[in-house]
Amino acid sequence: MVEPITPLTPRPVRFASVGQWWRDVTSVHWAVAPFLAAHTRPDVLDGRSSVGLVPLRVHAGVVAAAGLGAPTGPPASVPHSPGVPVRSGVPAAVGRF
């Protein structure tokens, strides 16, 4: 189901599902020509878009149960994970899934 992107949620949010901490974060961005797939629209400034490389370590956080704030702790098998997301800042044209 596709929902439109709106400033407010279409229904009440009952609880937060996860928390996380980012460690050892680096952010590097390059200006690029806005060539993307047909179903996307680039965020353009002065005719250029940007691509970012953001290496980091994500530490798992706590999960709140039904809004009661009862922490269950991070998953035992994944205490932290490295990641190198490539960010383009391009929203989907049809909304969020």
PDB file of N, CA and C in Angstrom:
ATOM      1  N   MET A   1       0.841  -1.182   0.000  1.00  0.00           N
ATOM      2  CA  MET A   1       0.000   0.000   0.000  1.00  0.00           C
ATOM      3  C   MET A   1       0.886   1.244   0.000  1.00  0.00           C
ATOM      4  N   VAL A   2       0.599   2.168  -0.851  1.00  0.00           N
ATOM      5  CA  VAL A   2       1.356   3.410  -0.934  1.00  0.00           C
ATOM      6  C   VAL A   2       0.572   4.510  -0.232  1.00  0.00           C
ATOM      7  N   GLU A   3       1.253   5.240   0.650  1.00  0.00           N
ATOM      8  CA  GLU A   3       0.635   6.368   1.351  1.00  0.00           C
ATOM      9  C   GLU A   3       1.285   7.655   0.877  1.00  0.00           C
ATOM     10  N   PRO A   4       0.546   8.746   0.788  1.00  0.00           N
ATOM     11  CA  PRO A   4       1.153  10.025   0.418  1.00  0.00           C
ATOM     12  C   PRO A   4       2.072  10.525   1.531  1.00  0.00           C
ATOM     13  N   ILE A   5       3.066  11.300   1.158  1.00  0.00           N
ATOM     14  CA  ILE A   5       3.951  11.913   2.146  1.00  0.00           C
ATOM     15  C   ILE A   5       3.258  13.150   2.685  1.00  0.00           C
ATOM     16  N   THR A   6       3.021  13.177   3.988  1.00  0.00           N
ATOM     17  CA  THR A   6       2.319  14.283   4.636  1.00  0.00           C
ATOM     18  C   THR A   6       3.063  14.682   5.898  1.00  0.00           C
ATOM     19  N   PRO A   7       2.859  15.914   6.412  1.00  0.00           N
ATOM     20  CA  PRO A   7       3.549  16.321   7.638  1.00  0.00           C
ATOM     21  C   PRO A   7       3.070  15.565   8.875  1.00  0.00           C
ATOM     22  N   LEU A   8       1.840  15.055   8.862  1.00  0.00           N
ATOM     23  CA  LEU A   8       1.294  14.300   9.991  1.00  0.00           C
ATOM     24  C   LEU A   8       1.034  12.860   9.567  1.00  0.00           C
ATOM     25  N   THR A   9       1.042  11.950  10.532  1.00  0.00           N
ATOM     26  CA  THR A   9       0.762  10.555  10.211  1.00  0.00           C
ATOM     27  C   THR A   9      -0.719  10.370   9.902  1.00  0.00           C
ATOM     28  N   PRO A  10      -1.056   9.446   9.002  1.00  0.00           N
ATOM     29  CA  PRO A  10      -2.462   9.232   8.674  1.00  0.00           C
ATOM     30  C   PRO A  10      -3.241   8.567   9.804  1.00  0.00           C
ATOM     31  N   ARG A  11      -2.563   8.007  10.788  1.00  0.00           N
ATOM     32  CA  ARG A  11      -3.211   7.396  11.961  1.00  0.00           C
ATOM     33  C   ARG A  11      -2.283   7.571  13.159  1.00  0.00           C
ATOM     34  N   PRO A  12      -2.787   7.474  14.375  1.00  0.00           N
ATOM     35  CA  PRO A  12      -1.941   7.668  15.558  1.00  0.00           C
ATOM     36  C   PRO A  12      -0.810   6.637  15.641  1.00  0.00           C
ATOM     37  N   VAL A  13       0.330   7.074  16.119  1.00  0.00           N
ATOM     38  CA  VAL A  13       1.455   6.176  16.353  1.00  0.00           C
ATOM     39  C   VAL A  13       1.375   5.722  17.801  1.00  0.00           C
ATOM     40  N   ARG A  14       1.278   4.413  18.014  1.00  0.00           N
ATOM     41  CA  ARG A  14       1.084   3.893  19.365  1.00  0.00           C
ATOM     42  C   ARG A  14       2.382   3.757  20.145  1.00  0.00           C
ATOM     43  N   PHE A  15       3.490   3.451  19.480  1.00  0.00           N
ATOM     44  CA  PHE A  15       4.745   3.285  20.199  1.00  0.00           C
ATOM     45  C   PHE A  15       5.929   3.402  19.251  1.00  0.00           C
ATOM     46  N   ALA A  16       7.081   3.730  19.822  1.00  0.00           N
ATOM     47  CA  ALA A  16       8.326   3.744  19.051  1.00  0.00           C
ATOM     48  C   ALA A  16       8.848   2.322  18.969  1.00  0.00           C
ATOM     49  N   SER A  17       9.380   1.940  17.832  1.00  0.00           N
ATOM     50  CA  SER A  17       9.776   0.545  17.669  1.00  0.00           C
ATOM     51  C   SER A  17      11.260   0.281  17.913  1.00  0.00           C
ATOM     52  N   VAL A  18      12.117   1.273  17.715  1.00  0.00           N
ATOM     53  CA  VAL A  18      13.544   1.003  17.879  1.00  0.00           C
ATOM     54  C   VAL A  18      14.304   2.305  18.124  1.00  0.00           C
ATOM     55  N   GLY A  19      15.412   2.191  18.787  1.00  0.00           N
ATOM     56  CA  GLY A  19      16.333   3.312  18.961  1.00  0.00           C
ATOM     57  C   GLY A  19      17.719   2.834  18.560  1.00  0.00           C
ATOM     58  N   GLN A  20      18.586   3.738  18.160  1.00  0.00           N
ATOM     59  CA  GLN A  20      19.939   3.348  17.776  1.00  0.00           C
ATOM     60  C   GLN A  20      20.898   4.502  18.001  1.00  0.00           C
ATOM     61  N   TRP A  21      22.177   4.164  18.099  1.00  0.00           N
ATOM     62  CA  TRP A  21      23.227   5.165  18.246  1.00  0.00           C
ATOM     63  C   TRP A  21      24.185   5.017  17.086  1.00  0.00           C
ATOM     64  N   TRP A  22      24.578   6.148  16.503  1.00  0.00           N
ATOM     65  CA  TRP A  22      25.566   6.152  15.430  1.00  0.00           C
ATOM     66  C   TRP A  22      26.908   6.536  16.034  1.00  0.00           C
ATOM     67  N   ARG A  23      27.946   5.759  15.750  1.00  0.00           N
ATOM     68  CA  ARG A  23      29.290   6.009  16.263  1.00  0.00           C
ATOM     69  C   ARG A  23      30.258   6.154  15.090  1.00  0.00           C
ATOM     70  N   ASP A  24      31.324   6.899  15.305  1.00  0.00           N
ATOM     71  CA  ASP A  24      32.389   7.059  14.308  1.00  0.00           C
ATOM     72  C   ASP A  24      31.823   7.448  12.945  1.00  0.00           C
ATOM     73  N   VAL A  25      31.009   8.493  12.928  1.00  0.00           N
ATOM     74  CA  VAL A  25      30.327   8.924  11.704  1.00  0.00           C
ATOM     75  C   VAL A  25      31.208   9.890  10.914  1.00  0.00           C
ATOM     76  N   THR A  26      31.285   9.674   9.625  1.00  0.00           N
ATOM     77  CA  THR A  26      31.955  10.583   8.700  1.00  0.00           C
ATOM     78  C   THR A  26      30.980  10.872   7.571  1.00  0.00           C
ATOM     79  N   SER A  27      30.994  12.081   7.056  1.00  0.00           N
ATOM     80  CA  SER A  27      30.077  12.433   5.979  1.00  0.00           C
ATOM     81  C   SER A  27      30.845  13.179   4.893  1.00  0.00           C
ATOM     82  N   VAL A  28      30.827  12.632   3.683  1.00  0.00           N
ATOM     83  CA  VAL A  28      31.496  13.247   2.542  1.00  0.00           C
ATOM     84  C   VAL A  28      30.474  13.344   1.413  1.00  0.00           C
ATOM     85  N   HIS A  29      30.361  14.525   0.791  1.00  0.00           N
ATOM     86  CA  HIS A  29      29.380  14.731  -0.274  1.00  0.00           C
ATOM     87  C   HIS A  29      30.055  15.271  -1.534  1.00  0.00           C
ATOM     88  N   TRP A  30      29.536  14.854  -2.691  1.00  0.00           N
ATOM     89  CA  TRP A  30      30.014  15.327  -3.973  1.00  0.00           C
ATOM     90  C   TRP A  30      28.852  15.910  -4.757  1.00  0.00           C
ATOM     91  N   ALA A  31      29.096  17.005  -5.469  1.00  0.00           N
ATOM     92  CA  ALA A  31      28.093  17.553  -6.386  1.00  0.00           C
ATOM     93  C   ALA A  31      28.149  16.737  -7.671  1.00  0.00           C
ATOM     94  N   VAL A  32      26.979  16.347  -8.164  1.00  0.00           N
ATOM     95  CA  VAL A  32      26.904  15.539  -9.376  1.00  0.00           C
ATOM     96  C   VAL A  32      25.783  16.057 -10.269  1.00  0.00           C
ATOM     97  N   ALA A  33      25.838  15.705 -11.533  1.00  0.00           N
ATOM     98  CA  ALA A  33      24.726  16.016 -12.436  1.00  0.00           C
ATOM     99  C   ALA A  33      23.529  15.158 -12.019  1.00  0.00           C
ATOM    100  N   PRO A  34      22.322  15.702 -12.070  1.00  0.00           N
ATOM    101  CA  PRO A  34      21.141  14.974 -11.579  1.00  0.00           C
ATOM    102  C   PRO A  34      20.614  13.932 -12.561  1.00  0.00           C
ATOM    103  N   PHE A  35      21.372  12.849 -12.787  1.00  0.00           N
ATOM    104  CA  PHE A  35      20.933  11.752 -13.653  1.00  0.00           C
ATOM    105  C   PHE A  35      20.449  10.613 -12.776  1.00  0.00           C
ATOM    106  N   LEU A  36      19.151  10.372 -12.779  1.00  0.00           N
ATOM    107  CA  LEU A  36      18.571   9.340 -11.931  1.00  0.00           C
ATOM    108  C   LEU A  36      17.515   8.561 -12.692  1.00  0.00           C
ATOM    109  N   ALA A  37      17.002   7.529 -12.060  1.00  0.00           N
ATOM    110  CA  ALA A  37      15.946   6.719 -12.668  1.00  0.00           C
ATOM    111  C   ALA A  37      14.706   7.570 -12.930  1.00  0.00           C
ATOM    112  N   ALA A  38      13.906   7.155 -13.883  1.00  0.00           N
ATOM    113  CA  ALA A  38      12.743   7.939 -14.313  1.00  0.00           C
ATOM    114  C   ALA A  38      11.713   8.145 -13.211  1.00  0.00           C
ATOM    115  N   HIS A  39      11.585   7.217 -12.272  1.00  0.00           N
ATOM    116  CA  HIS A  39      10.566   7.333 -11.226  1.00  0.00           C
ATOM    117  C   HIS A  39      11.019   8.163 -10.025  1.00  0.00           C
ATOM    118  N   THR A  40      12.179   8.783 -10.098  1.00  0.00           N
ATOM    119  CA  THR A  40      12.675   9.615  -8.996  1.00  0.00           C
ATOM    120  C   THR A  40      12.842  11.056  -9.462  1.00  0.00           C
ATOM    121  N   ARG A  41      12.907  11.961  -8.489  1.00  0.00           N
ATOM    122  CA  ARG A  41      13.188  13.361  -8.811  1.00  0.00           C
ATOM    123  C   ARG A  41      14.310  13.826  -7.879  1.00  0.00           C
ATOM    124  N   PRO A  42      15.404  14.294  -8.437  1.00  0.00           N
ATOM    125  CA  PRO A  42      16.538  14.684  -7.601  1.00  0.00           C
ATOM    126  C   PRO A  42      16.274  15.982  -6.846  1.00  0.00           C
ATOM    127  N   ASP A  43      16.907  16.115  -5.719  1.00  0.00           N
ATOM    128  CA  ASP A  43      16.912  17.368  -4.975  1.00  0.00           C
ATOM    129  C   ASP A  43      18.002  18.217  -5.623  1.00  0.00           C
ATOM    130  N   VAL A  44      17.618  19.252  -6.353  1.00  0.00           N
ATOM    131  CA  VAL A  44      18.555  20.018  -7.179  1.00  0.00           C
ATOM    132  C   VAL A  44      18.746  21.422  -6.622  1.00  0.00           C
ATOM    133  N   LEU A  45      20.000  21.883  -6.585  1.00  0.00           N
ATOM    134  CA  LEU A  45      20.345  23.244  -6.196  1.00  0.00           C
ATOM    135  C   LEU A  45      21.318  23.770  -7.242  1.00  0.00           C
ATOM    136  N   ASP A  46      20.975  24.853  -7.906  1.00  0.00           N
ATOM    137  CA  ASP A  46      21.804  25.436  -8.964  1.00  0.00           C
ATOM    138  C   ASP A  46      22.122  24.422 -10.064  1.00  0.00           C
ATOM    139  N   GLY A  47      21.150  23.572 -10.412  1.00  0.00           N
ATOM    140  CA  GLY A  47      21.331  22.605 -11.478  1.00  0.00           C
ATOM    141  C   GLY A  47      22.144  21.387 -11.115  1.00  0.00           C
ATOM    142  N   ARG A  48      22.558  21.257  -9.859  1.00  0.00           N
ATOM    143  CA  ARG A  48      23.372  20.122  -9.415  1.00  0.00           C
ATOM    144  C   ARG A  48      22.661  19.399  -8.284  1.00  0.00           C
ATOM    145  N   SER A  49      22.925  18.127  -8.173  1.00  0.00           N
ATOM    146  CA  SER A  49      22.439  17.322  -7.058  1.00  0.00           C
ATOM    147  C   SER A  49      23.668  16.862  -6.280  1.00  0.00           C
ATOM    148  N   SER A  50      23.484  16.136  -5.195  1.00  0.00           N
ATOM    149  CA  SER A  50      24.646  15.660  -4.449  1.00  0.00           C
ATOM    150  C   SER A  50      24.473  14.202  -4.061  1.00  0.00           C
ATOM    151  N   VAL A  51      25.612  13.537  -3.919  1.00  0.00           N
ATOM    152  CA  VAL A  51      25.666  12.163  -3.443  1.00  0.00           C
ATOM    153  C   VAL A  51      26.567  12.170  -2.225  1.00  0.00           C
ATOM    154  N   GLY A  52      26.133  11.493  -1.167  1.00  0.00           N
ATOM    155  CA  GLY A  52      26.920  11.450   0.058  1.00  0.00           C
ATOM    156  C   GLY A  52      27.328  10.035   0.416  1.00  0.00           C
ATOM    157  N   LEU A  53      28.530   9.898   0.935  1.00  0.00           N
ATOM    158  CA  LEU A  53      29.041   8.638   1.456  1.00  0.00           C
ATOM    159  C   LEU A  53      29.172   8.835   2.955  1.00  0.00           C
ATOM    160  N   VAL A  54      28.509   7.990   3.754  1.00  0.00           N
ATOM    161  CA  VAL A  54      28.433   8.211   5.200  1.00  0.00           C
ATOM    162  C   VAL A  54      28.845   6.939   5.950  1.00  0.00           C
ATOM    163  N   PRO A  55      30.165   6.653   6.078  1.00  0.00           N
ATOM    164  CA  PRO A  55      30.568   5.483   6.855  1.00  0.00           C
ATOM    165  C   PRO A  55      30.293   5.694   8.341  1.00  0.00           C
ATOM    166  N   LEU A  56      29.808   4.636   9.008  1.00  0.00           N
ATOM    167  CA  LEU A  56      29.473   4.730  10.428  1.00  0.00           C
ATOM    168  C   LEU A  56      29.342   3.344  11.036  1.00  0.00           C
ATOM    169  N   ARG A  57      29.252   3.301  12.366  1.00  0.00           N
ATOM    170  CA  ARG A  57      28.908   2.082  13.099  1.00  0.00           C
ATOM    171  C   ARG A  57      27.585   2.334  13.798  1.00  0.00           C
ATOM    172  N   VAL A  58      26.632   1.430  13.631  1.00  0.00           N
ATOM    173  CA  VAL A  58      25.325   1.555  14.268  1.00  0.00           C
ATOM    174  C   VAL A  58      25.276   0.596  15.443  1.00  0.00           C
ATOM    175  N   HIS A  59      24.963   1.133  16.620  1.00  0.00           N
ATOM    176  CA  HIS A  59      24.755   0.304  17.802  1.00  0.00           C
ATOM    177  C   HIS A  59      23.263   0.166  18.019  1.00  0.00           C
ATOM    178  N   ALA A  60      22.803  -1.057  18.224  1.00  0.00           N
ATOM    179  CA  ALA A  60      21.377  -1.302  18.427  1.00  0.00           C
ATOM    180  C   ALA A  60      20.913  -0.618  19.702  1.00  0.00           C
ATOM    181  N   GLY A  61      19.679  -0.204  19.701  1.00  0.00           N
ATOM    182  CA  GLY A  61      19.117   0.500  20.850  1.00  0.00           C
ATOM    183  C   GLY A  61      18.083  -0.326  21.570  1.00  0.00           C
ATOM    184  N   VAL A  62      17.164   0.348  22.187  1.00  0.00           N
ATOM    185  CA  VAL A  62      16.112  -0.326  22.938  1.00  0.00           C
ATOM    186  C   VAL A  62      14.812  -0.295  22.150  1.00  0.00           C
ATOM    187  N   VAL A  63      13.972  -1.259  22.413  1.00  0.00           N
ATOM    188  CA  VAL A  63      12.663  -1.335  21.782  1.00  0.00           C
ATOM    189  C   VAL A  63      11.616  -1.111  22.857  1.00  0.00           C
ATOM    190  N   ALA A  64      10.722  -0.169  22.639  1.00  0.00           N
ATOM    191  CA  ALA A  64       9.662   0.098  23.609  1.00  0.00           C
ATOM    192  C   ALA A  64       8.455  -0.773  23.283  1.00  0.00           C
ATOM    193  N   ALA A  65       7.919  -1.440  24.294  1.00  0.00           N
ATOM    194  CA  ALA A  65       6.781  -2.343  24.090  1.00  0.00           C
ATOM    195  C   ALA A  65       5.472  -1.593  24.273  1.00  0.00           C
ATOM    196  N   ALA A  66       4.724  -1.451  23.208  1.00  0.00           N
ATOM    197  CA  ALA A  66       3.378  -0.852  23.223  1.00  0.00           C
ATOM    198  C   ALA A  66       3.316   0.483  23.943  1.00  0.00           C
ATOM    199  N   GLY A  67       4.365   1.279  23.835  1.00  0.00           N
ATOM    200  CA  GLY A  67       4.350   2.606  24.430  1.00  0.00           C
ATOM    201  C   GLY A  67       4.556   2.628  25.930  1.00  0.00           C
ATOM    202  N   LEU A  68       4.828   1.482  26.543  1.00  0.00           N
ATOM    203  CA  LEU A  68       5.019   1.433  27.994  1.00  0.00           C
ATOM    204  C   LEU A  68       6.438   1.801  28.389  1.00  0.00           C
ATOM    205  N   GLY A  69       7.323   1.906  27.401  1.00  0.00           N
ATOM    206  CA  GLY A  69       8.706   2.270  27.691  1.00  0.00           C
ATOM    207  C   GLY A  69       9.499   1.137  28.303  1.00  0.00           C
ATOM    208  N   ALA A  70       9.033  -0.093  28.159  1.00  0.00           N
ATOM    209  CA  ALA A  70       9.745  -1.235  28.722  1.00  0.00           C
ATOM    210  C   ALA A  70      10.861  -1.643  27.771  1.00  0.00           C
ATOM    211  N   PRO A  71      12.130  -1.318  28.098  1.00  0.00           N
ATOM    212  CA  PRO A  71      13.209  -1.645  27.173  1.00  0.00           C
ATOM    213  C   PRO A  71      13.451  -3.145  27.123  1.00  0.00           C
ATOM    214  N   THR A  72      13.626  -3.662  25.931  1.00  0.00           N
ATOM    215  CA  THR A  72      13.963  -5.070  25.774  1.00  0.00           C
ATOM    216  C   THR A  72      15.441  -5.246  25.462  1.00  0.00           C
ATOM    217  N   GLY A  73      16.144  -4.154  25.192  1.00  0.00           N
ATOM    218  CA  GLY A  73      17.573  -4.215  24.930  1.00  0.00           C
ATOM    219  C   GLY A  73      17.890  -4.524  23.481  1.00  0.00           C
ATOM    220  N   PRO A  74      19.170  -4.412  23.113  1.00  0.00           N
ATOM    221  CA  PRO A  74      19.578  -4.675  21.735  1.00  0.00           C
ATOM    222  C   PRO A  74      19.551  -6.170  21.436  1.00  0.00           C
ATOM    223  N   PRO A  75      19.424  -6.548  20.182  1.00  0.00           N
ATOM    224  CA  PRO A  75      19.489  -7.968  19.834  1.00  0.00           C
ATOM    225  C   PRO A  75      20.844  -8.539  20.213  1.00  0.00           C
ATOM    226  N   ALA A  76      20.860  -9.707  20.825  1.00  0.00           N
ATOM    227  CA  ALA A  76      22.103 -10.299  21.321  1.00  0.00           C
ATOM    228  C   ALA A  76      23.055 -10.664  20.191  1.00  0.00           C
ATOM    229  N   SER A  77      22.525 -11.056  19.032  1.00  0.00           N
ATOM    230  CA  SER A  77      23.387 -11.506  17.948  1.00  0.00           C
ATOM    231  C   SER A  77      24.006 -10.360  17.148  1.00  0.00           C
ATOM    232  N   VAL A  78      23.480  -9.149  17.273  1.00  0.00           N
ATOM    233  CA  VAL A  78      23.992  -8.008  16.511  1.00  0.00           C
ATOM    234  C   VAL A  78      24.170  -6.814  17.448  1.00  0.00           C
ATOM    235  N   PRO A  79      25.249  -6.797  18.259  1.00  0.00           N
ATOM    236  CA  PRO A  79      25.438  -5.668  19.171  1.00  0.00           C
ATOM    237  C   PRO A  79      25.768  -4.372  18.441  1.00  0.00           C
ATOM    238  N   HIS A  80      26.446  -4.449  17.315  1.00  0.00           N
ATOM    239  CA  HIS A  80      26.702  -3.270  16.485  1.00  0.00           C
ATOM    240  C   HIS A  80      27.004  -3.746  15.075  1.00  0.00           C
ATOM    241  N   SER A  81      26.820  -2.866  14.127  1.00  0.00           N
ATOM    242  CA  SER A  81      27.102  -3.243  12.746  1.00  0.00           C
ATOM    243  C   SER A  81      27.693  -2.054  12.003  1.00  0.00           C
ATOM    244  N   PRO A  82      28.719  -2.306  11.186  1.00  0.00           N
ATOM    245  CA  PRO A  82      29.267  -1.227  10.368  1.00  0.00           C
ATOM    246  C   PRO A  82      28.376  -0.993   9.154  1.00  0.00           C
ATOM    247  N   GLY A  83      28.431   0.200   8.625  1.00  0.00           N
ATOM    248  CA  GLY A  83      27.655   0.498   7.433  1.00  0.00           C
ATOM    249  C   GLY A  83      28.280   1.634   6.654  1.00  0.00           C
ATOM    250  N   VAL A  84      28.079   1.637   5.348  1.00  0.00           N
ATOM    251  CA  VAL A  84      28.536   2.723   4.488  1.00  0.00           C
ATOM    252  C   VAL A  84      27.389   3.069   3.536  1.00  0.00           C
ATOM    253  N   PRO A  85      26.378   3.801   4.032  1.00  0.00           N
ATOM    254  CA  PRO A  85      25.279   4.178   3.153  1.00  0.00           C
ATOM    255  C   PRO A  85      25.716   5.211   2.118  1.00  0.00           C
ATOM    256  N   VAL A  86      25.178   5.077   0.931  1.00  0.00           N
ATOM    257  CA  VAL A  86      25.351   6.083  -0.115  1.00  0.00           C
ATOM    258  C   VAL A  86      24.034   6.832  -0.183  1.00  0.00           C
ATOM    259  N   ARG A  87      24.068   8.121   0.093  1.00  0.00           N
ATOM    260  CA  ARG A  87      22.851   8.918   0.197  1.00  0.00           C
ATOM    261  C   ARG A  87      22.715   9.836  -1.004  1.00  0.00           C
ATOM    262  N   SER A  88      21.493   9.926  -1.526  1.00  0.00           N
ATOM    263  CA  SER A  88      21.261  10.848  -2.633  1.00  0.00           C
ATOM    264  C   SER A  88      20.203  11.893  -2.312  1.00  0.00           C
ATOM    265  N   GLY A  89      19.438  11.730  -1.250  1.00  0.00           N
ATOM    266  CA  GLY A  89      18.421  12.712  -0.898  1.00  0.00           C
ATOM    267  C   GLY A  89      17.318  12.814  -1.924  1.00  0.00           C
ATOM    268  N   VAL A  90      16.930  11.687  -2.503  1.00  0.00           N
ATOM    269  CA  VAL A  90      15.915  11.672  -3.550  1.00  0.00           C
ATOM    270  C   VAL A  90      14.655  10.994  -3.021  1.00  0.00           C
ATOM    271  N   PRO A  91      13.564  11.741  -2.866  1.00  0.00           N
ATOM    272  CA  PRO A  91      12.320  11.102  -2.425  1.00  0.00           C
ATOM    273  C   PRO A  91      11.653  10.364  -3.582  1.00  0.00           C
ATOM    274  N   ALA A  92      10.888   9.333  -3.262  1.00  0.00           N
ATOM    275  CA  ALA A  92      10.112   8.642  -4.294  1.00  0.00           C
ATOM    276  C   ALA A  92       9.008   9.567  -4.779  1.00  0.00           C
ATOM    277  N   ALA A  93       8.681   9.494  -6.034  1.00  0.00           N
ATOM    278  CA  ALA A  93       7.675  10.384  -6.614  1.00  0.00           C
ATOM    279  C   ALA A  93       6.263  10.043  -6.170  1.00  0.00           C
ATOM    280  N   VAL A  94       6.014   8.802  -5.738  1.00  0.00           N
ATOM    281  CA  VAL A  94       4.649   8.368  -5.436  1.00  0.00           C
ATOM    282  C   VAL A  94       4.302   8.385  -3.954  1.00  0.00           C
ATOM    283  N   GLY A  95       5.223   8.626  -3.070  1.00  0.00           N
ATOM    284  CA  GLY A  95       4.934   8.637  -1.637  1.00  0.00           C
ATOM    285  C   GLY A  95       5.774   7.610  -0.908  1.00  0.00           C
ATOM    286  N   ARG A  96       5.329   7.231   0.280  1.00  0.00           N
ATOM    287  CA  ARG A  96       6.083   6.254   1.067  1.00  0.00           C
ATOM    288  C   ARG A  96       5.339   4.923   1.072  1.00  0.00           C
ATOM    289  N   PHE A  97       6.064   3.846   1.295  1.00  0.00           N
ATOM    290  CA  PHE A  97       5.462   2.511   1.324  1.00  0.00           C
ATOM    291  C   PHE A  97       5.254   2.088   2.751  1.00  0.00           C
TER     292      PHE A  97
END
